Amino acid sequence: MVWLRTWYDFTMPLMASNIRITPNANRILMDLAKRLDQPKAQVIERALRQLEDRLFWTEVQKAFSTGESPEMEAERELWDSTAGDGLAGERW
């Protein structure tokens, strides 16, 4: 018996896992795989990475929009006091 390896064998380590998806999700997945000319597993991985990235940046944006915690404000003020040369009324 001769074993032939495809490009897919070299690009993705395989780990078998079964999940149930709706018929609509399966239709979308098959359509995307065909349009991207990629295996369904790679389409799923790409989508998961994009979702993870979007959630990360949403959390970062939320953290910055809520303002500083009292601990961070105290530390910022400490560092701000080291930037000047001691002249009164100097703003940085």
Protein backbone atom coordinates (compact mmCIF):
# COMPACT_ATOMS: atom_id res chain seq x y z
CA MET A 1 0.00 0.00 0.00
CA VAL A 2 1.32 3.45 -0.96
CA TRP A 3 0.46 6.41 1.26
CA LEU A 4 0.20 9.76 -0.49
CA ARG A 5 0.28 12.92 1.54
CA THR A 6 -1.67 15.94 0.37
CA TRP A 7 -0.94 19.64 1.02
CA TYR A 8 -3.67 19.47 3.66
CA ASP A 9 -1.64 16.93 5.67
CA PHE A 10 1.24 19.38 5.92
CA THR A 11 -0.69 22.58 6.60
CA MET A 12 -2.93 21.54 9.49
CA PRO A 13 -2.33 19.15 12.33
CA LEU A 14 -5.43 17.01 12.52
CA MET A 15 -7.40 16.51 15.68
CA ALA A 16 -10.73 14.79 15.29
CA SER A 17 -13.65 16.52 16.93
CA ASN A 18 -17.34 16.30 16.16
CA ILE A 19 -19.68 19.18 16.73
CA ARG A 20 -23.31 19.58 15.80
CA ILE A 21 -24.23 22.59 13.72
CA THR A 22 -27.52 23.67 12.27
CA PRO A 23 -28.30 22.95 8.63
CA ASN A 24 -28.10 26.69 7.97
CA ALA A 25 -24.63 26.92 9.54
CA ASN A 26 -23.52 23.92 7.49
CA ARG A 27 -24.81 25.55 4.29
CA ILE A 28 -22.91 28.75 5.11
CA LEU A 29 -19.75 26.79 5.96
CA MET A 30 -19.91 24.81 2.72
CA ASP A 31 -20.49 27.98 0.71
CA LEU A 32 -17.56 29.78 2.36
CA ALA A 33 -15.27 26.78 1.89
CA LYS A 34 -16.12 26.67 -1.79
CA ARG A 35 -15.74 30.44 -2.28
CA LEU A 36 -12.42 30.52 -0.42
CA ASP A 37 -11.24 27.24 -1.96
CA GLN A 38 -10.24 26.00 1.50
CA PRO A 39 -11.19 22.99 3.59
CA LYS A 40 -14.06 23.53 6.00
CA ALA A 41 -11.71 23.07 8.97
CA GLN A 42 -9.58 26.00 7.83
CA VAL A 43 -12.66 28.18 7.29
CA ILE A 44 -13.83 27.39 10.83
CA GLU A 45 -10.38 28.14 12.28
CA ARG A 46 -10.19 31.44 10.38
CA ALA A 47 -13.65 32.46 11.59
CA LEU A 48 -12.79 31.58 15.19
CA ARG A 49 -9.58 33.57 15.07
CA GLN A 50 -11.40 36.59 13.65
CA LEU A 51 -14.06 36.33 16.36
CA GLU A 52 -11.39 36.04 19.04
CA ASP A 53 -9.60 39.09 17.64
CA ARG A 54 -12.81 41.12 17.48
CA LEU A 55 -13.70 40.22 21.09
CA PHE A 56 -10.20 41.15 22.28
CA TRP A 57 -10.36 44.60 20.71
CA THR A 58 -13.92 45.13 21.97
CA GLU A 59 -12.69 44.39 25.50
CA VAL A 60 -9.72 46.74 25.06
CA GLN A 61 -11.98 49.51 23.82
CA LYS A 62 -14.36 48.95 26.74
CA ALA A 63 -11.49 49.06 29.24
CA PHE A 64 -10.23 52.37 27.85
CA SER A 65 -13.68 53.93 27.71
CA THR A 66 -14.50 53.22 31.36
CA GLY A 67 -11.75 55.52 32.64
CA GLU A 68 -8.91 54.95 35.04
CA SER A 69 -9.11 52.95 38.21
CA PRO A 70 -7.99 54.79 41.38
CA GLU A 71 -4.81 52.66 41.45
CA MET A 72 -3.91 53.58 37.88
CA GLU A 73 -4.64 57.26 38.49
CA ALA A 74 -2.32 57.28 41.53
CA GLU A 75 0.44 55.58 39.56
CA ARG A 76 0.03 57.98 36.61
CA GLU A 77 0.27 60.96 38.97
CA LEU A 78 3.43 59.48 40.49
CA TRP A 79 5.05 59.13 37.06
CA ASP A 80 3.84 62.59 36.00
CA SER A 81 5.66 64.13 38.95
CA THR A 82 8.97 62.65 37.77
CA ALA A 83 8.74 64.24 34.31
CA GLY A 84 9.13 67.88 35.34
CA ASP A 85 12.16 69.74 36.60
CA GLY A 86 10.42 71.13 39.67
CA LEU A 87 9.32 74.49 38.22
CA ALA A 88 6.04 75.65 39.76
CA GLY A 89 3.02 75.71 37.48
CA GLU A 90 4.69 73.66 34.77
CA ARG A 91 2.20 71.50 32.85
CA TRP A 92 3.15 68.44 30.87
